[in-house]
Amino acid sequence: MDSMTKVDLPPGVDERDLRRAVGVSRSWRGVLRELGLSSAHRGRQLRATCALLGIDTRHFGTRSWSDAELRTAVAAAGTWLDLTRSLGYAEDSGSARATVRKHALRLGLDVGRLSSGPMPPPGALAAVPDLAHLRSAGPYLVAAACVLAGHRVSWPLEPAVYDLLVDDASGIHRVQVKTCTSRLPGSWECSISRSEYARVPGGKRRVHYMPEEIDVFGIVDGDLEVYLVPLSVVAGAGTLSMRRYAAFRLPRMRSAPDAASGGLDTWSG
């Protein structure tokens, strides 16, 4: 397709990002995870874009390993997660274990030892939190913190620069969610700029968020602490050391809410 053809891609994602994500994934959920996206709307948008660009997704949901590879993988694995990862499945695949177990039993392979016990009963949901998924979980963690504080949270129906709209007594705030993946001595480091497509060598550049785009950064660090940092406090900055912004860290949830805490006063920052 002509490189000048206009396609509908989420902000910060270009065609090369999409082709790479599709190539390394086995499902649309995996593509969303690779791109740091989560909404069903984004999934539909990416499906349509792949169709327009002719990106091949026929490998989604298909078995790409041989019986010999399964034998080797079962022998080397210590857990079901080890096994499904080694066979190329997404960690949150809902059908991977059932598919692998069926073929393992057909070949007479012992999978009963995996995960230190038998397979979970049908319908059981296995969930092992991993910081590798923090970027995808970030919007939900920030939204939950705001809802627990008594605020109303909305999600944009159409693509927008911000991730959430939070309505409190002072008005409606456009919240851009960021997560911390880099550890510093005694702190977490968070990038608050964004990648933007540009006709420059490399095709991308880092740009800052502007007051007409967002009002607040909702930041989740690697300890799952949530910060609500007004854009006005960090305008022009590209990277934050979260230790310097402890004043904007939300208090941890207590078993009995303390009305004297005043809720999320850091919004007024």
Protein backbone atom coordinates (compact mmCIF):
# COMPACT_ATOMS: atom_id res chain seq x y z
CA MET A 1 0.00 0.00 0.00
CA ASP A 2 1.13 3.55 -0.74
CA SER A 3 2.90 4.91 2.35
CA MET A 4 0.96 8.14 1.94
CA THR A 5 -2.39 6.37 2.47
CA LYS A 6 -4.02 7.67 5.63
CA VAL A 7 -4.78 4.98 8.21
CA ASP A 8 -6.47 5.23 11.58
CA LEU A 9 -3.92 4.37 14.29
CA PRO A 10 -4.02 5.15 18.03
CA PRO A 11 -1.88 8.10 19.19
CA GLY A 12 1.77 7.09 19.61
CA VAL A 13 1.46 3.99 17.39
CA ASP A 14 2.75 3.87 13.83
CA GLU A 15 2.53 1.20 11.13
CA ARG A 16 5.87 -0.35 12.07
CA ASP A 17 4.73 -0.72 15.71
CA LEU A 18 1.55 -2.43 14.54
CA ARG A 19 3.32 -4.82 12.15
CA ARG A 20 5.80 -5.81 14.88
CA ALA A 21 3.05 -6.35 17.48
CA VAL A 22 1.01 -8.51 15.10
CA GLY A 23 4.09 -10.51 14.16
CA VAL A 24 4.95 -11.47 17.75
CA SER A 25 1.37 -12.05 18.96
CA ARG A 26 -1.10 -14.90 18.61
CA SER A 27 -4.28 -12.93 19.37
CA TRP A 28 -5.74 -9.43 19.20
CA ARG A 29 -5.44 -9.25 22.98
CA GLY A 30 -1.73 -9.92 22.59
CA VAL A 31 -1.44 -7.12 20.03
CA LEU A 32 -3.13 -4.68 22.43
CA ARG A 33 -0.78 -5.75 25.21
CA GLU A 34 2.30 -5.30 23.00
CA LEU A 35 1.16 -1.76 22.14
CA GLY A 36 0.23 -0.86 25.74
CA LEU A 37 -3.48 -0.56 24.89
CA SER A 38 -6.50 -2.14 26.52
CA SER A 39 -9.91 -1.00 25.27
CA ALA A 40 -12.20 -3.03 22.99
CA HIS A 41 -12.52 0.04 20.79
CA ARG A 42 -8.77 -0.04 20.14
CA GLY A 43 -9.03 -3.70 19.18
CA ARG A 44 -11.70 -2.95 16.56
CA GLN A 45 -9.66 0.00 15.31
CA LEU A 46 -6.55 -2.15 14.88
CA ARG A 47 -8.48 -4.93 13.12
CA ALA A 48 -9.78 -2.45 10.56
CA THR A 49 -6.32 -0.93 10.12
CA CYS A 50 -4.68 -4.32 9.60
CA ALA A 51 -7.29 -5.14 6.95
CA LEU A 52 -6.59 -1.82 5.22
CA LEU A 53 -2.82 -2.33 5.31
CA GLY A 54 -2.99 -6.00 4.35
CA ILE A 55 -1.24 -7.14 7.57
CA ASP A 56 -1.54 -10.93 7.84
CA THR A 57 -3.21 -12.15 11.06
CA ARG A 58 -3.92 -15.71 9.92
CA HIS A 59 -1.54 -17.05 12.56
CA PHE A 60 -3.82 -15.86 15.37
CA GLY A 61 -5.32 -18.74 17.29
CA THR A 62 -3.42 -21.43 15.37
CA ARG A 63 -1.00 -24.05 16.68
CA SER A 64 2.47 -23.16 15.43
CA TRP A 65 4.46 -25.85 17.26
CA SER A 66 5.13 -29.47 16.36
CA ASP A 67 4.73 -32.60 18.47
CA ALA A 68 8.50 -32.77 18.85
CA GLU A 69 8.61 -29.17 20.10
CA LEU A 70 5.84 -29.94 22.59
CA ARG A 71 7.79 -32.92 23.95
CA THR A 72 10.87 -30.74 24.43
CA ALA A 73 8.88 -27.92 26.02
CA VAL A 74 7.09 -30.22 28.49
CA ALA A 75 10.39 -31.79 29.55
CA ALA A 76 11.95 -28.38 30.20
CA ALA A 77 8.99 -26.66 31.89
CA GLY A 78 8.45 -26.45 35.61
CA THR A 79 5.09 -24.69 35.53
CA TRP A 80 2.18 -24.28 33.13
CA LEU A 81 3.22 -20.67 32.62
CA ASP A 82 6.72 -21.82 31.58
CA LEU A 83 5.19 -24.27 29.13
CA THR A 84 2.67 -21.95 27.48
CA ARG A 85 5.24 -19.15 27.24
CA SER A 86 7.75 -21.45 25.56
CA LEU A 87 5.11 -22.43 23.00
CA GLY A 88 4.40 -18.81 22.15
CA TYR A 89 1.05 -18.29 23.87
CA ALA A 90 0.05 -15.04 25.52
CA GLU A 91 0.13 -15.30 29.32
CA ASP A 92 -3.56 -14.39 29.57
CA SER A 93 -4.71 -16.82 26.88
CA GLY A 94 -7.96 -18.41 27.96
CA SER A 95 -7.53 -21.56 25.84
CA ALA A 96 -3.78 -22.22 25.83
CA ARG A 97 -3.72 -24.73 28.70
CA ALA A 98 -6.64 -26.71 27.37
CA THR A 99 -5.10 -26.90 23.91
CA VAL A 100 -1.65 -27.88 25.19
CA ARG A 101 -3.04 -30.41 27.67
CA LYS A 102 -5.12 -32.12 24.96
CA HIS A 103 -2.08 -32.61 22.75
CA ALA A 104 0.16 -33.58 25.68
CA LEU A 105 -2.29 -36.33 26.69
CA ARG A 106 -2.50 -37.50 23.08
CA LEU A 107 1.28 -37.93 23.11
CA GLY A 108 1.32 -39.52 26.57
CA LEU A 109 3.31 -36.65 28.10
CA ASP A 110 3.24 -36.11 31.87
CA VAL A 111 1.85 -32.65 32.60
CA GLY A 112 0.46 -33.49 36.04
CA ARG A 113 3.65 -32.27 37.70
CA LEU A 114 3.37 -28.76 36.29
CA SER A 115 2.39 -25.92 38.61
CA SER A 116 3.14 -28.26 41.57
CA GLY A 117 -0.18 -30.02 41.09
CA PRO A 118 -2.96 -30.96 38.69
CA MET A 119 -4.63 -28.65 36.22
CA PRO A 120 -7.16 -26.24 37.72
CA PRO A 121 -10.77 -27.45 37.51
CA PRO A 122 -12.74 -26.40 34.41
CA GLY A 123 -13.75 -22.75 34.63
CA ALA A 124 -11.10 -21.85 37.21
CA LEU A 125 -9.38 -18.50 36.66
CA ALA A 126 -5.65 -18.44 37.28
CA ALA A 127 -4.25 -14.96 37.89
CA VAL A 128 -0.63 -14.26 38.80
CA PRO A 129 0.10 -10.50 38.93
CA ASP A 130 3.22 -9.46 37.05
CA LEU A 131 4.66 -5.96 36.66
CA ALA A 132 5.17 -6.77 32.99
CA HIS A 133 1.45 -5.95 32.66
CA LEU A 134 1.56 -2.71 34.66
CA ARG A 135 1.21 -0.50 31.59
CA SER A 136 -2.04 -2.21 30.61
CA ALA A 137 -3.35 -2.21 34.20
CA GLY A 138 -2.43 1.43 34.89
CA PRO A 139 -5.68 3.08 33.72
CA TYR A 140 -7.75 0.65 35.80
CA LEU A 141 -5.65 1.21 38.92
CA VAL A 142 -5.96 4.99 38.62
CA ALA A 143 -9.67 4.75 37.87
CA ALA A 144 -10.22 2.47 40.88
CA ALA A 145 -8.36 4.90 43.16
CA CYS A 146 -10.55 7.77 41.98
CA VAL A 147 -13.77 5.77 42.33
CA LEU A 148 -12.76 4.72 45.86
CA ALA A 149 -12.33 8.41 46.63
CA GLY A 150 -15.93 9.04 45.61
CA HIS A 151 -15.27 10.60 42.20
CA ARG A 152 -17.07 9.73 38.98
CA VAL A 153 -14.88 8.25 36.25
CA SER A 154 -15.63 8.15 32.52
CA TRP A 155 -13.74 6.59 29.61
CA PRO A 156 -13.52 8.37 26.24
CA LEU A 157 -15.56 6.59 23.57
CA GLU A 158 -13.38 7.94 20.78
CA PRO A 159 -9.56 8.18 20.60
CA ALA A 160 -8.33 10.98 22.85
CA VAL A 161 -5.00 12.17 24.21
CA TYR A 162 -6.21 11.59 27.78
CA ASP A 163 -7.15 8.18 29.22
CA LEU A 164 -9.82 9.10 31.78
CA LEU A 165 -12.24 11.85 32.70
CA VAL A 166 -12.59 12.29 36.46
CA ASP A 167 -15.44 14.40 37.84
CA ASP A 168 -15.02 15.75 41.38
CA ALA A 169 -16.39 18.74 43.26
CA SER A 170 -14.04 21.14 41.45
CA GLY A 171 -14.96 20.03 37.92
CA ILE A 172 -13.96 17.55 35.25
CA HIS A 173 -10.28 16.62 34.92
CA ARG A 174 -8.63 15.02 31.88
CA VAL A 175 -6.25 12.38 33.23
CA GLN A 176 -3.35 10.90 31.27
CA VAL A 177 -2.10 7.65 32.86
CA LYS A 178 1.59 6.79 33.02
CA THR A 179 3.36 3.86 34.67
CA CYS A 180 6.87 3.50 36.08
CA THR A 181 9.05 0.65 34.90
CA SER A 182 12.52 1.99 35.75
CA ARG A 183 13.88 1.74 39.28
CA LEU A 184 16.18 4.40 40.73
CA PRO A 185 17.91 4.28 44.14
CA GLY A 186 15.05 4.90 46.55
CA SER A 187 12.57 5.89 43.86
CA TRP A 188 10.81 5.05 40.61
CA GLU A 189 11.37 6.90 37.36
CA CYS A 190 8.48 7.76 35.05
CA SER A 191 8.51 9.17 31.52
CA ILE A 192 5.67 11.67 31.01
CA SER A 193 6.34 12.64 27.40
CA ARG A 194 4.80 10.76 24.50
CA SER A 195 5.93 9.38 21.18
CA GLU A 196 4.56 11.13 18.12
CA TYR A 197 4.90 10.19 14.47
CA ALA A 198 6.89 12.74 12.47
CA ARG A 199 8.54 12.94 9.07
CA VAL A 200 12.00 12.88 10.58
CA PRO A 201 14.78 10.26 10.58
CA GLY A 202 13.46 7.36 12.64
CA GLY A 203 9.85 8.43 12.14
CA LYS A 204 9.17 9.38 15.77
CA ARG A 205 9.89 12.11 18.26
CA ARG A 206 9.13 12.72 21.93
CA VAL A 207 6.73 15.56 22.68
CA HIS A 208 5.28 17.06 25.88
CA TYR A 209 1.61 17.15 26.82
CA MET A 210 -0.01 20.58 26.62
CA PRO A 211 -2.60 22.29 28.87
CA GLU A 212 -5.20 22.12 26.11
CA GLU A 213 -4.80 18.30 26.06
CA ILE A 214 -4.72 17.10 29.68
CA ASP A 215 -5.00 18.41 33.23
CA VAL A 216 -3.48 15.71 35.43
CA PHE A 217 -1.05 12.80 35.21
CA GLY A 218 -2.29 9.66 36.94
CA ILE A 219 0.94 7.78 37.67
CA VAL A 220 1.33 4.23 38.99
CA ASP A 221 4.78 3.21 40.20
CA GLY A 222 6.25 -0.28 40.49
CA ASP A 223 5.04 -0.55 44.11
CA LEU A 224 1.48 0.11 42.84
CA GLU A 225 1.38 3.50 44.52
CA VAL A 226 -0.88 5.96 42.69
CA TYR A 227 -0.04 9.64 42.19
CA LEU A 228 -2.24 12.42 40.81
CA VAL A 229 0.18 15.08 39.59
CA PRO A 230 -1.20 18.25 37.96
CA LEU A 231 0.31 19.05 34.58
CA SER A 232 1.03 22.58 35.81
CA VAL A 233 3.50 21.17 38.36
CA VAL A 234 5.60 19.25 35.84
CA ALA A 235 5.01 21.17 32.59
CA GLY A 236 8.04 20.84 30.31
CA ALA A 237 9.53 17.86 32.16
CA GLY A 238 10.18 14.63 30.30
CA THR A 239 11.04 12.28 33.16
CA LEU A 240 10.07 12.31 36.84
CA SER A 241 11.71 10.81 39.90
CA MET A 242 8.60 9.95 41.89
CA ARG A 243 10.32 10.49 45.23
CA ARG A 244 10.16 14.23 44.52
CA TYR A 245 6.39 14.05 44.08
CA ALA A 246 5.47 12.24 47.29
CA ALA A 247 3.04 15.06 48.12
CA PHE A 248 0.85 13.88 45.23
CA ARG A 249 0.87 10.20 46.23
CA LEU A 250 -2.56 8.95 47.28
CA PRO A 251 -2.98 7.50 50.77
CA ARG A 252 -3.32 3.75 50.97
CA MET A 253 -6.81 2.40 51.49
CA ARG A 254 -7.66 1.76 55.13
CA SER A 255 -10.17 -0.76 56.45
CA ALA A 256 -12.26 2.12 57.84
CA PRO A 257 -12.19 5.34 55.76
CA ASP A 258 -11.17 8.38 57.73
CA ALA A 259 -13.39 11.33 56.86
CA ALA A 260 -10.79 13.69 58.25
CA SER A 261 -8.36 12.75 55.49
CA GLY A 262 -10.23 15.01 53.10
CA GLY A 263 -10.25 12.53 50.19
CA LEU A 264 -7.99 13.24 47.22
CA ASP A 265 -7.06 16.80 48.03
CA THR A 266 -3.98 16.48 45.81
CA TRP A 267 -6.25 17.20 42.85
CA SER A 268 -6.09 20.87 43.67
CA GLY A 269 -2.25 20.71 43.74
